[in-house]
């Protein structure tokens, strides 16, 4: 009988020992109640409690936690948009009692505040402003949550707007607008490049024409000098100017025919091309010059008969200066 009682005492002691010892993980707090009433808060490590009397009511995670909240709301320009708000929060170690006993479900509480703040701030903004001022939305959510959750033992570490998702049709329209703007800029650059090419080509053509005209002028000047020298040479050997001009015209005529004959693909037709063509052309030119001189002489005679003359204006003679004192002395 004594052995049975001893065994029972040992067994009961083991049960009490096993049920009275417990451990708390790192970054965790355990709430111990005695007869249903709060007794103590136990931190990480090996802990003891009175079996049967004490009970672990719950454990609180002291790590930084994140809650993602999806909020759908409307912007100022009547565009429905879905925002993803990430809230990072942590239980304050000195307020574990408030965090455990004051809130039944802290995540639902945080979600409600996030919905309230976002649906109050976003309708004040246009869609483009929502993208540009997402930090303002996040700060507004953090400020509101801190004021509300600090009394419940929760500290809001950070709030982030991690996603802004407009309606599918709105995103397609925005992409089309963006593409149109880029096409407009590309067209402007292409037009500017084409304008530069046209201006450069026009300048090159103008410079080419200028140089071509200068070359033709120089060529004609040298031809005139050559003709003058040829006439002088022919005059020195006893050939008068008319015969010399006829000889030069005939020579150039045959040189032209020779150059035409050397070109196999030439479409040039010289009319007239008879041997008398050069002399006929020279005679016509001389007759024209003679007729024009006669007409000029006749007009001059008629103008003289009518009293029309080209008199040059005579400059007024300078007035004589008065005699100086030296001149008076010399006269005396």
C-alpha atoms as a PDB file:
ATOM      1  CA  UNK A   1       0.000   0.000   0.000  1.00  0.00           C
ATOM      2  CA  UNK A   2       2.818   2.378   0.877  1.00  0.00           C
ATOM      3  CA  UNK A   3       4.571   1.612  -2.400  1.00  0.00           C
ATOM      4  CA  UNK A   4       1.413   2.422  -4.397  1.00  0.00           C
ATOM      5  CA  UNK A   5       0.969   5.704  -2.569  1.00  0.00           C
ATOM      6  CA  UNK A   6       4.589   6.635  -3.204  1.00  0.00           C
ATOM      7  CA  UNK A   7       4.226   5.857  -6.905  1.00  0.00           C
ATOM      8  CA  UNK A   8       1.087   7.969  -7.094  1.00  0.00           C
ATOM      9  CA  UNK A   9       2.832  10.902  -5.449  1.00  0.00           C
ATOM     10  CA  UNK A  10       5.730  10.645  -7.883  1.00  0.00           C
ATOM     11  CA  UNK A  11       3.374  10.438 -10.876  1.00  0.00           C
ATOM     12  CA  UNK A  12       1.389  13.419  -9.642  1.00  0.00           C
ATOM     13  CA  UNK A  13       4.607  15.383  -9.122  1.00  0.00           C
ATOM     14  CA  UNK A  14       5.716  14.650 -12.669  1.00  0.00           C
ATOM     15  CA  UNK A  15       2.389  15.850 -14.058  1.00  0.00           C
ATOM     16  CA  UNK A  16       2.593  19.035 -12.009  1.00  0.00           C
ATOM     17  CA  UNK A  17       6.166  19.561 -13.123  1.00  0.00           C
ATOM     18  CA  UNK A  18       5.345  18.993 -16.774  1.00  0.00           C
ATOM     19  CA  UNK A  19       2.236  21.211 -16.747  1.00  0.00           C
ATOM     20  CA  UNK A  20       3.920  23.935 -14.708  1.00  0.00           C
ATOM     21  CA  UNK A  21       6.885  24.444 -17.068  1.00  0.00           C
ATOM     22  CA  UNK A  22       6.562  26.138 -20.433  1.00  0.00           C
ATOM     23  CA  UNK A  23       8.756  28.061 -22.878  1.00  0.00           C
ATOM     24  CA  UNK A  24       8.211  31.298 -24.765  1.00  0.00           C
ATOM     25  CA  UNK A  25       9.855  31.823 -28.174  1.00  0.00           C
ATOM     26  CA  UNK A  26      12.012  34.783 -29.043  1.00  0.00           C
ATOM     27  CA  UNK A  27      10.087  37.943 -30.095  1.00  0.00           C
ATOM     28  CA  UNK A  28       6.952  36.502 -28.473  1.00  0.00           C
ATOM     29  CA  UNK A  29       5.077  37.376 -25.290  1.00  0.00           C
ATOM     30  CA  UNK A  30       2.795  34.972 -23.378  1.00  0.00           C
ATOM     31  CA  UNK A  31      -0.233  36.138 -21.409  1.00  0.00           C
ATOM     32  CA  UNK A  32      -0.758  34.155 -18.155  1.00  0.00           C
ATOM     33  CA  UNK A  33      -4.146  34.225 -16.404  1.00  0.00           C
ATOM     34  CA  UNK A  34      -5.041  32.866 -12.971  1.00  0.00           C
ATOM     35  CA  UNK A  35      -8.610  31.709 -12.530  1.00  0.00           C
ATOM     36  CA  UNK A  36      -9.517  33.641 -15.722  1.00  0.00           C
ATOM     37  CA  UNK A  37      -7.947  36.895 -14.576  1.00  0.00           C
ATOM     38  CA  UNK A  38      -4.821  38.518 -15.965  1.00  0.00           C
ATOM     39  CA  UNK A  39      -1.798  37.560 -13.950  1.00  0.00           C
ATOM     40  CA  UNK A  40       1.413  38.333 -15.822  1.00  0.00           C
ATOM     41  CA  UNK A  41       3.207  38.705 -19.124  1.00  0.00           C
ATOM     42  CA  UNK A  42       6.018  36.244 -19.749  1.00  0.00           C
ATOM     43  CA  UNK A  43       8.815  36.987 -22.222  1.00  0.00           C
ATOM     44  CA  UNK A  44      11.056  34.589 -24.159  1.00  0.00           C
ATOM     45  CA  UNK A  45      12.769  31.730 -22.290  1.00  0.00           C
ATOM     46  CA  UNK A  46      11.880  29.019 -19.759  1.00  0.00           C
ATOM     47  CA  UNK A  47       8.886  30.003 -17.604  1.00  0.00           C
ATOM     48  CA  UNK A  48       6.962  28.484 -14.699  1.00  0.00           C
ATOM     49  CA  UNK A  49       3.304  28.628 -13.739  1.00  0.00           C
ATOM     50  CA  UNK A  50       1.134  27.011 -11.110  1.00  0.00           C
ATOM     51  CA  UNK A  51      -0.635  24.010 -12.605  1.00  0.00           C
ATOM     52  CA  UNK A  52      -4.397  24.054 -12.561  1.00  0.00           C
ATOM     53  CA  UNK A  53      -4.447  27.621 -11.200  1.00  0.00           C
ATOM     54  CA  UNK A  54      -2.528  29.377 -13.967  1.00  0.00           C
ATOM     55  CA  UNK A  55      -3.336  29.216 -17.643  1.00  0.00           C
ATOM     56  CA  UNK A  56      -1.668  30.583 -20.792  1.00  0.00           C
ATOM     57  CA  UNK A  57      -4.399  32.774 -22.285  1.00  0.00           C
ATOM     58  CA  UNK A  58      -2.532  33.503 -25.470  1.00  0.00           C
ATOM     59  CA  UNK A  59       0.680  34.542 -27.151  1.00  0.00           C
ATOM     60  CA  UNK A  60       1.495  37.860 -28.888  1.00  0.00           C
ATOM     61  CA  UNK A  61       3.894  38.112 -31.828  1.00  0.00           C
ATOM     62  CA  UNK A  62       6.344  40.972 -31.291  1.00  0.00           C
ATOM     63  CA  UNK A  63       7.838  40.834 -34.788  1.00  0.00           C
ATOM     64  CA  UNK A  64       7.104  43.411 -37.490  1.00  0.00           C
ATOM     65  CA  UNK A  65       4.104  42.155 -39.420  1.00  0.00           C
ATOM     66  CA  UNK A  66       2.696  43.213 -42.781  1.00  0.00           C
ATOM     67  CA  UNK A  67      -0.919  43.457 -43.820  1.00  0.00           C
ATOM     68  CA  UNK A  68      -1.848  43.937 -47.503  1.00  0.00           C
ATOM     69  CA  UNK A  69      -5.150  45.717 -48.089  1.00  0.00           C
ATOM     70  CA  UNK A  70      -6.830  46.030 -51.516  1.00  0.00           C
ATOM     71  CA  UNK A  71      -8.988  49.140 -51.791  1.00  0.00           C
ATOM     72  CA  UNK A  72     -11.175  49.998 -54.786  1.00  0.00           C
ATOM     73  CA  UNK A  73     -12.234  53.611 -55.068  1.00  0.00           C
ATOM     74  CA  UNK A  74     -12.980  56.387 -57.568  1.00  0.00           C
ATOM     75  CA  UNK A  75     -10.763  59.324 -58.538  1.00  0.00           C
ATOM     76  CA  UNK A  76     -11.773  62.948 -59.083  1.00  0.00           C
ATOM     77  CA  UNK A  77     -12.072  62.393 -62.851  1.00  0.00           C
ATOM     78  CA  UNK A  78     -14.477  59.438 -62.299  1.00  0.00           C
ATOM     79  CA  UNK A  79     -11.993  56.624 -62.919  1.00  0.00           C
ATOM     80  CA  UNK A  80     -12.252  53.493 -60.787  1.00  0.00           C
ATOM     81  CA  UNK A  81      -8.882  52.375 -59.513  1.00  0.00           C
ATOM     82  CA  UNK A  82      -7.694  49.613 -57.225  1.00  0.00           C
ATOM     83  CA  UNK A  83      -4.887  50.369 -54.755  1.00  0.00           C
ATOM     84  CA  UNK A  84      -2.820  47.873 -52.794  1.00  0.00           C
ATOM     85  CA  UNK A  85      -1.770  49.317 -49.422  1.00  0.00           C
ATOM     86  CA  UNK A  86       0.888  47.452 -47.443  1.00  0.00           C
ATOM     87  CA  UNK A  87       0.861  48.264 -43.724  1.00  0.00           C
ATOM     88  CA  UNK A  88       3.821  47.240 -41.573  1.00  0.00           C
ATOM     89  CA  UNK A  89       2.989  47.227 -37.862  1.00  0.00           C
ATOM     90  CA  UNK A  90       4.389  45.922 -34.585  1.00  0.00           C
ATOM     91  CA  UNK A  91       3.134  45.334 -31.050  1.00  0.00           C
ATOM     92  CA  UNK A  92       4.736  47.699 -28.546  1.00  0.00           C
ATOM     93  CA  UNK A  93       6.485  45.636 -25.842  1.00  0.00           C
ATOM     94  CA  UNK A  94       5.304  47.906 -23.061  1.00  0.00           C
ATOM     95  CA  UNK A  95       1.697  47.659 -24.246  1.00  0.00           C
ATOM     96  CA  UNK A  96       1.243  43.923 -24.714  1.00  0.00           C
ATOM     97  CA  UNK A  97      -1.706  44.001 -22.284  1.00  0.00           C
ATOM     98  CA  UNK A  98      -3.575  46.570 -24.429  1.00  0.00           C
ATOM     99  CA  UNK A  99      -2.736  44.737 -27.660  1.00  0.00           C
ATOM    100  CA  UNK A 100      -4.110  41.446 -26.292  1.00  0.00           C
ATOM    101  CA  UNK A 101      -7.180  42.576 -24.374  1.00  0.00           C
ATOM    102  CA  UNK A 102      -8.424  45.690 -26.182  1.00  0.00           C
ATOM    103  CA  UNK A 103      -8.628  44.348 -29.740  1.00  0.00           C
ATOM    104  CA  UNK A 104     -10.253  41.113 -30.775  1.00  0.00           C
ATOM    105  CA  UNK A 105      -8.900  41.240 -34.345  1.00  0.00           C
ATOM    106  CA  UNK A 106      -6.318  43.998 -34.969  1.00  0.00           C
ATOM    107  CA  UNK A 107      -5.995  43.208 -38.679  1.00  0.00           C
ATOM    108  CA  UNK A 108      -9.675  43.917 -39.292  1.00  0.00           C
ATOM    109  CA  UNK A 109      -9.312  47.166 -37.378  1.00  0.00           C
ATOM    110  CA  UNK A 110      -6.322  48.246 -39.481  1.00  0.00           C
ATOM    111  CA  UNK A 111      -8.141  47.292 -42.694  1.00  0.00           C
ATOM    112  CA  UNK A 112     -11.115  49.462 -41.748  1.00  0.00           C
ATOM    113  CA  UNK A 113      -8.921  52.497 -41.145  1.00  0.00           C
ATOM    114  CA  UNK A 114      -7.059  51.954 -44.427  1.00  0.00           C
ATOM    115  CA  UNK A 115     -10.350  51.835 -46.355  1.00  0.00           C
ATOM    116  CA  UNK A 116     -11.574  54.975 -44.635  1.00  0.00           C
ATOM    117  CA  UNK A 117      -8.416  57.031 -45.332  1.00  0.00           C
ATOM    118  CA  UNK A 118      -7.909  55.900 -48.930  1.00  0.00           C
ATOM    119  CA  UNK A 119     -11.540  56.524 -49.889  1.00  0.00           C
ATOM    120  CA  UNK A 120     -11.264  59.985 -48.349  1.00  0.00           C
ATOM    121  CA  UNK A 121      -7.982  60.987 -50.062  1.00  0.00           C
ATOM    122  CA  UNK A 122      -8.107  59.439 -53.558  1.00  0.00           C
ATOM    123  CA  UNK A 123     -11.421  61.059 -54.655  1.00  0.00           C
ATOM    124  CA  UNK A 124      -9.699  64.433 -54.237  1.00  0.00           C
ATOM    125  CA  UNK A 125      -7.117  63.552 -56.914  1.00  0.00           C
ATOM    126  CA  UNK A 126      -7.161  62.889 -60.630  1.00  0.00           C
ATOM    127  CA  UNK A 127      -5.809  59.607 -61.924  1.00  0.00           C
ATOM    128  CA  UNK A 128      -2.446  61.074 -62.931  1.00  0.00           C
ATOM    129  CA  UNK A 129      -2.128  62.688 -59.497  1.00  0.00           C
ATOM    130  CA  UNK A 130      -2.751  59.335 -57.809  1.00  0.00           C
ATOM    131  CA  UNK A 131       0.363  57.941 -59.508  1.00  0.00           C
ATOM    132  CA  UNK A 132       2.421  61.054 -58.766  1.00  0.00           C
ATOM    133  CA  UNK A 133       1.274  61.536 -55.155  1.00  0.00           C
ATOM    134  CA  UNK A 134       1.111  57.965 -53.918  1.00  0.00           C
ATOM    135  CA  UNK A 135       3.544  58.869 -51.132  1.00  0.00           C
ATOM    136  CA  UNK A 136       1.042  61.452 -49.874  1.00  0.00           C
ATOM    137  CA  UNK A 137      -1.621  58.743 -49.720  1.00  0.00           C
ATOM    138  CA  UNK A 138       0.730  56.420 -47.827  1.00  0.00           C
ATOM    139  CA  UNK A 139       1.655  59.161 -45.333  1.00  0.00           C
ATOM    140  CA  UNK A 140      -2.000  60.000 -44.747  1.00  0.00           C
ATOM    141  CA  UNK A 141      -2.767  56.330 -44.011  1.00  0.00           C
ATOM    142  CA  UNK A 142       0.212  56.049 -41.648  1.00  0.00           C
ATOM    143  CA  UNK A 143      -0.728  59.204 -39.756  1.00  0.00           C
ATOM    144  CA  UNK A 144      -4.354  58.097 -39.299  1.00  0.00           C
ATOM    145  CA  UNK A 145      -3.382  54.568 -38.230  1.00  0.00           C
ATOM    146  CA  UNK A 146      -0.783  55.785 -35.740  1.00  0.00           C
ATOM    147  CA  UNK A 147      -3.314  58.035 -34.013  1.00  0.00           C
ATOM    148  CA  UNK A 148      -5.881  55.247 -33.867  1.00  0.00           C
ATOM    149  CA  UNK A 149      -3.728  52.164 -33.073  1.00  0.00           C
ATOM    150  CA  UNK A 150      -1.306  53.621 -30.547  1.00  0.00           C
ATOM    151  CA  UNK A 151      -3.942  53.312 -27.813  1.00  0.00           C
ATOM    152  CA  UNK A 152      -4.323  49.632 -28.644  1.00  0.00           C
ATOM    153  CA  UNK A 153      -0.611  48.918 -28.262  1.00  0.00           C
ATOM    154  CA  UNK A 154       0.282  48.837 -31.964  1.00  0.00           C
ATOM    155  CA  UNK A 155       2.943  50.913 -33.657  1.00  0.00           C
ATOM    156  CA  UNK A 156       2.601  51.558 -37.411  1.00  0.00           C
ATOM    157  CA  UNK A 157       6.136  51.264 -38.807  1.00  0.00           C
ATOM    158  CA  UNK A 158       5.498  52.012 -42.487  1.00  0.00           C
ATOM    159  CA  UNK A 159       2.697  52.212 -45.017  1.00  0.00           C
ATOM    160  CA  UNK A 160       3.343  51.737 -48.745  1.00  0.00           C
ATOM    161  CA  UNK A 161       1.206  52.063 -51.852  1.00  0.00           C
ATOM    162  CA  UNK A 162       2.611  49.051 -53.661  1.00  0.00           C
ATOM    163  CA  UNK A 163       0.203  48.884 -56.613  1.00  0.00           C
ATOM    164  CA  UNK A 164      -2.161  51.181 -58.509  1.00  0.00           C
ATOM    165  CA  UNK A 165      -4.368  49.324 -60.940  1.00  0.00           C
ATOM    166  CA  UNK A 166      -6.905  51.351 -62.989  1.00  0.00           C
ATOM    167  CA  UNK A 167      -9.677  49.774 -65.048  1.00  0.00           C
ATOM    168  CA  UNK A 168      -8.554  47.748 -68.076  1.00  0.00           C
ATOM    169  CA  UNK A 169     -10.155  50.138 -70.557  1.00  0.00           C
ATOM    170  CA  UNK A 170      -8.552  53.121 -68.840  1.00  0.00           C
ATOM    171  CA  UNK A 171      -5.113  51.492 -69.016  1.00  0.00           C
ATOM    172  CA  UNK A 172      -5.623  50.784 -72.718  1.00  0.00           C
ATOM    173  CA  UNK A 173      -6.628  54.404 -73.310  1.00  0.00           C
ATOM    174  CA  UNK A 174      -3.588  55.641 -71.384  1.00  0.00           C
ATOM    175  CA  UNK A 175      -1.331  53.404 -73.470  1.00  0.00           C
ATOM    176  CA  UNK A 176      -2.880  54.770 -76.676  1.00  0.00           C
ATOM    177  CA  UNK A 177      -2.363  58.350 -75.474  1.00  0.00           C
ATOM    178  CA  UNK A 178       1.242  57.597 -74.612  1.00  0.00           C
ATOM    179  CA  UNK A 179       1.808  55.941 -77.984  1.00  0.00           C
ATOM    180  CA  UNK A 180       0.214  58.901 -79.785  1.00  0.00           C
ATOM    181  CA  UNK A 181       2.426  61.358 -77.921  1.00  0.00           C
ATOM    182  CA  UNK A 182       5.527  59.364 -78.813  1.00  0.00           C
ATOM    183  CA  UNK A 183       4.441  59.147 -82.457  1.00  0.00           C
ATOM    184  CA  UNK A 184       3.881  62.917 -82.460  1.00  0.00           C
ATOM    185  CA  UNK A 185       7.370  63.552 -81.096  1.00  0.00           C
ATOM    186  CA  UNK A 186       8.844  61.107 -83.610  1.00  0.00           C
ATOM    187  CA  UNK A 187       7.006  62.845 -86.462  1.00  0.00           C
ATOM    188  CA  UNK A 188       8.326  66.224 -85.306  1.00  0.00           C
ATOM    189  CA  UNK A 189      11.886  64.913 -85.236  1.00  0.00           C
ATOM    190  CA  UNK A 190      11.480  63.310 -88.659  1.00  0.00           C
ATOM    191  CA  UNK A 191      10.040  66.554 -90.084  1.00  0.00           C
ATOM    192  CA  UNK A 192      12.911  68.548 -88.604  1.00  0.00           C
ATOM    193  CA  UNK A 193      15.429  66.113 -90.083  1.00  0.00           C
ATOM    194  CA  UNK A 194      13.719  66.340 -93.486  1.00  0.00           C
ATOM    195  CA  UNK A 195      13.729  70.151 -93.273  1.00  0.00           C
ATOM    196  CA  UNK A 196      17.455  70.134 -92.520  1.00  0.00           C
ATOM    197  CA  UNK A 197      18.060  67.873 -95.523  1.00  0.00           C
ATOM    198  CA  UNK A 198      16.011  70.149 -97.806  1.00  0.00           C
ATOM    199  CA  UNK A 199      17.783  73.296 -96.574  1.00  0.00           C
ATOM    200  CA  UNK A 200      21.189  71.672 -96.959  1.00  0.00           C
ATOM    201  CA  UNK A 201      20.300  70.461-100.457  1.00  0.00           C
ATOM    202  CA  UNK A 202      19.015  73.918-101.453  1.00  0.00           C
ATOM    203  CA  UNK A 203      22.185  75.546-100.154  1.00  0.00           C
ATOM    204  CA  UNK A 204      24.312  73.031-102.039  1.00  0.00           C
ATOM    205  CA  UNK A 205      22.345  73.633-105.234  1.00  0.00           C
ATOM    206  CA  UNK A 206      22.633  77.417-104.794  1.00  0.00           C
ATOM    207  CA  UNK A 207      26.376  77.125-104.282  1.00  0.00           C
ATOM    208  CA  UNK A 208      26.618  74.825-107.297  1.00  0.00           C
ATOM    209  CA  UNK A 209      24.679  77.279-109.478  1.00  0.00           C
ATOM    210  CA  UNK A 210      26.818  80.147-108.255  1.00  0.00           C
ATOM    211  CA  UNK A 211      30.024  78.303-109.046  1.00  0.00           C
ATOM    212  CA  UNK A 212      28.591  77.135-112.372  1.00  0.00           C
ATOM    213  CA  UNK A 213      27.665  80.715-113.324  1.00  0.00           C
ATOM    214  CA  UNK A 214      31.064  81.941-112.252  1.00  0.00           C
ATOM    215  CA  UNK A 215      32.665  79.230-114.372  1.00  0.00           C
ATOM    216  CA  UNK A 216      30.556  80.133-117.406  1.00  0.00           C
ATOM    217  CA  UNK A 217      31.422  83.809-116.935  1.00  0.00           C
ATOM    218  CA  UNK A 218      35.124  83.005-116.710  1.00  0.00           C
ATOM    219  CA  UNK A 219      34.827  80.747-119.750  1.00  0.00           C
ATOM    220  CA  UNK A 220      33.139  83.450-121.821  1.00  0.00           C
ATOM    221  CA  UNK A 221      35.671  86.000-120.671  1.00  0.00           C
ATOM    222  CA  UNK A 222      38.533  83.799-121.768  1.00  0.00           C
ATOM    223  CA  UNK A 223      36.774  83.083-125.075  1.00  0.00           C
ATOM    224  CA  UNK A 224      36.408  86.812-125.676  1.00  0.00           C
ATOM    225  CA  UNK A 225      40.081  87.351-124.914  1.00  0.00           C
ATOM    226  CA  UNK A 226      41.009  84.545-127.265  1.00  0.00           C
ATOM    227  CA  UNK A 227      38.864  85.999-130.037  1.00  0.00           C
ATOM    228  CA  UNK A 228      40.402  89.404-129.487  1.00  0.00           C
ATOM    229  CA  UNK A 229      43.883  87.973-129.726  1.00  0.00           C
ATOM    230  CA  UNK A 230      42.911  85.974-132.846  1.00  0.00           C
ATOM    231  CA  UNK A 231      41.567  89.092-134.561  1.00  0.00           C
ATOM    232  CA  UNK A 232      44.748  91.001-133.676  1.00  0.00           C
ATOM    233  CA  UNK A 233      46.909  88.230-135.112  1.00  0.00           C
ATOM    234  CA  UNK A 234      44.881  88.088-138.349  1.00  0.00           C
ATOM    235  CA  UNK A 235      44.986  91.896-138.663  1.00  0.00           C
ATOM    236  CA  UNK A 236      48.762  91.780-138.401  1.00  0.00           C
ATOM    237  CA  UNK A 237      48.973  89.479-141.457  1.00  0.00           C
ATOM    238  CA  UNK A 238      46.766  91.728-143.595  1.00  0.00           C
ATOM    239  CA  UNK A 239      43.306  90.240-142.930  1.00  0.00           C
ATOM    240  CA  UNK A 240      40.685  92.842-142.021  1.00  0.00           C
ATOM    241  CA  UNK A 241      38.291  92.527-139.095  1.00  0.00           C
ATOM    242  CA  UNK A 242      35.318  91.325-141.184  1.00  0.00           C
ATOM    243  CA  UNK A 243      37.326  88.567-142.850  1.00  0.00           C
ATOM    244  CA  UNK A 244      38.867  87.604-139.514  1.00  0.00           C
ATOM    245  CA  UNK A 245      35.427  87.366-137.873  1.00  0.00           C
ATOM    246  CA  UNK A 246      34.138  85.227-140.751  1.00  0.00           C
ATOM    247  CA  UNK A 247      37.127  82.909-140.445  1.00  0.00           C
ATOM    248  CA  UNK A 248      36.628  82.534-136.673  1.00  0.00           C
ATOM    249  CA  UNK A 249      32.878  81.851-137.069  1.00  0.00           C
ATOM    250  CA  UNK A 250      33.500  79.179-139.728  1.00  0.00           C
ATOM    251  CA  UNK A 251      36.218  77.569-137.582  1.00  0.00           C
ATOM    252  CA  UNK A 252      33.936  77.427-134.500  1.00  0.00           C
ATOM    253  CA  UNK A 253      31.121  76.070-136.683  1.00  0.00           C
ATOM    254  CA  UNK A 254      33.223  73.123-137.836  1.00  0.00           C
ATOM    255  CA  UNK A 255      34.592  72.565-134.331  1.00  0.00           C
ATOM    256  CA  UNK A 256      31.020  72.282-133.096  1.00  0.00           C
ATOM    257  CA  UNK A 257      30.145  69.772-135.837  1.00  0.00           C
ATOM    258  CA  UNK A 258      33.219  67.732-134.951  1.00  0.00           C
ATOM    259  CA  UNK A 259      32.342  67.624-131.239  1.00  0.00           C
ATOM    260  CA  UNK A 260      28.787  66.541-132.093  1.00  0.00           C
ATOM    261  CA  UNK A 261      30.079  63.750-134.305  1.00  0.00           C
ATOM    262  CA  UNK A 262      32.301  62.403-131.502  1.00  0.00           C
ATOM    263  CA  UNK A 263      29.275  61.819-129.237  1.00  0.00           C
ATOM    264  CA  UNK A 264      27.501  58.619-130.316  1.00  0.00           C
ATOM    265  CA  UNK A 265      24.467  59.127-128.041  1.00  0.00           C
ATOM    266  CA  UNK A 266      24.018  62.833-128.708  1.00  0.00           C
ATOM    267  CA  UNK A 267      20.498  64.107-129.480  1.00  0.00           C
ATOM    268  CA  UNK A 268      21.658  67.594-130.481  1.00  0.00           C
ATOM    269  CA  UNK A 269      20.664  68.838-133.960  1.00  0.00           C
ATOM    270  CA  UNK A 270      22.439  71.929-135.326  1.00  0.00           C
ATOM    271  CA  UNK A 271      20.323  73.932-137.781  1.00  0.00           C
ATOM    272  CA  UNK A 272      21.421  75.140-140.265  1.00  0.00           C
ATOM    273  CA  UNK A 273      24.538  73.001-140.678  1.00  0.00           C
ATOM    274  CA  UNK A 274      25.587  73.828-144.242  1.00  0.00           C
ATOM    275  CA  UNK A 275      29.098  75.236-144.926  1.00  0.00           C
ATOM    276  CA  UNK A 276      27.578  78.646-145.705  1.00  0.00           C
ATOM    277  CA  UNK A 277      25.788  78.761-142.347  1.00  0.00           C
ATOM    278  CA  UNK A 278      28.693  80.387-140.533  1.00  0.00           C
ATOM    279  CA  UNK A 279      29.215  83.125-143.096  1.00  0.00           C
ATOM    280  CA  UNK A 280      25.472  83.771-143.376  1.00  0.00           C
ATOM    281  CA  UNK A 281      25.212  84.161-139.625  1.00  0.00           C
ATOM    282  CA  UNK A 282      28.179  86.572-139.631  1.00  0.00           C
ATOM    283  CA  UNK A 283      26.687  88.626-142.482  1.00  0.00           C
ATOM    284  CA  UNK A 284      23.368  88.842-140.645  1.00  0.00           C
ATOM    285  CA  UNK A 285      25.132  90.019-137.491  1.00  0.00           C
ATOM    286  CA  UNK A 286      27.118  92.677-139.423  1.00  0.00           C
ATOM    287  CA  UNK A 287      23.965  93.850-141.215  1.00  0.00           C
ATOM    288  CA  UNK A 288      22.170  94.123-137.882  1.00  0.00           C
ATOM    289  CA  UNK A 289      25.008  96.139-136.342  1.00  0.00           C
ATOM    290  CA  UNK A 290      25.112  98.466-139.405  1.00  0.00           C
ATOM    291  CA  UNK A 291      21.358  99.012-139.368  1.00  0.00           C
ATOM    292  CA  UNK A 292      21.377  99.789-135.659  1.00  0.00           C
ATOM    293  CA  UNK A 293      24.185 102.332-136.123  1.00  0.00           C
ATOM    294  CA  UNK A 294      22.287 104.012-138.964  1.00  0.00           C
ATOM    295  CA  UNK A 295      19.136 104.245-136.882  1.00  0.00           C
ATOM    296  CA  UNK A 296      21.113 105.748-134.016  1.00  0.00           C
ATOM    297  CA  UNK A 297      22.697 108.399-136.287  1.00  0.00           C
ATOM    298  CA  UNK A 298      19.268 109.306-137.729  1.00  0.00           C
ATOM    299  CA  UNK A 299      17.772 109.753-134.243  1.00  0.00           C
ATOM    300  CA  UNK A 300      20.699 111.937-133.237  1.00  0.00           C
ATOM    301  CA  UNK A 301      20.217 114.203-136.279  1.00  0.00           C
ATOM    302  CA  UNK A 302      16.493 114.574-135.575  1.00  0.00           C
ATOM    303  CA  UNK A 303      17.203 115.536-131.972  1.00  0.00           C
ATOM    304  CA  UNK A 304      19.694 118.189-133.098  1.00  0.00           C
ATOM    305  CA  UNK A 305      17.121 119.684-135.485  1.00  0.00           C
ATOM    306  CA  UNK A 306      14.597 119.864-132.665  1.00  0.00           C
ATOM    307  CA  UNK A 307      17.147 121.587-130.416  1.00  0.00           C
ATOM    308  CA  UNK A 308      17.495 118.697-128.057  1.00  0.00           C
ATOM    309  CA  UNK A 309      21.119 118.503-126.968  1.00  0.00           C
ATOM    310  CA  UNK A 310      22.894 116.871-124.082  1.00  0.00           C
ATOM    311  CA  UNK A 311      24.662 119.808-122.525  1.00  0.00           C
ATOM    312  CA  UNK A 312      26.780 119.148-119.538  1.00  0.00           C
ATOM    313  CA  UNK A 313      26.225 121.434-116.618  1.00  0.00           C
ATOM    314  CA  UNK A 314      29.133 123.767-116.160  1.00  0.00           C
ATOM    315  CA  UNK A 315      30.428 124.113-112.661  1.00  0.00           C
ATOM    316  CA  UNK A 316      30.233 127.713-111.288  1.00  0.00           C
ATOM    317  CA  UNK A 317      33.525 129.524-111.295  1.00  0.00           C
ATOM    318  CA  UNK A 318      34.889 130.260-107.823  1.00  0.00           C
ATOM    319  CA  UNK A 319      34.670 133.903-106.711  1.00  0.00           C
ATOM    320  CA  UNK A 320      38.021 135.741-106.514  1.00  0.00           C
ATOM    321  CA  UNK A 321      39.348 136.173-103.009  1.00  0.00           C
ATOM    322  CA  UNK A 322      39.970 139.726-101.691  1.00  0.00           C
ATOM    323  CA  UNK A 323      43.590 140.884-101.885  1.00  0.00           C
ATOM    324  CA  UNK A 324      45.675 140.283 -98.827  1.00  0.00           C
ATOM    325  CA  UNK A 325      47.793 142.869 -96.991  1.00  0.00           C
ATOM    326  CA  UNK A 326      50.921 141.764 -98.820  1.00  0.00           C
ATOM    327  CA  UNK A 327      49.259 142.493-102.167  1.00  0.00           C
ATOM    328  CA  UNK A 328      48.286 146.007-100.979  1.00  0.00           C
ATOM    329  CA  UNK A 329      51.864 146.617 -99.950  1.00  0.00           C
ATOM    330  CA  UNK A 330      53.206 145.437-103.292  1.00  0.00           C
ATOM    331  CA  UNK A 331      50.851 147.795-105.123  1.00  0.00           C
ATOM    332  CA  UNK A 332      52.025 150.696-102.997  1.00  0.00           C
END
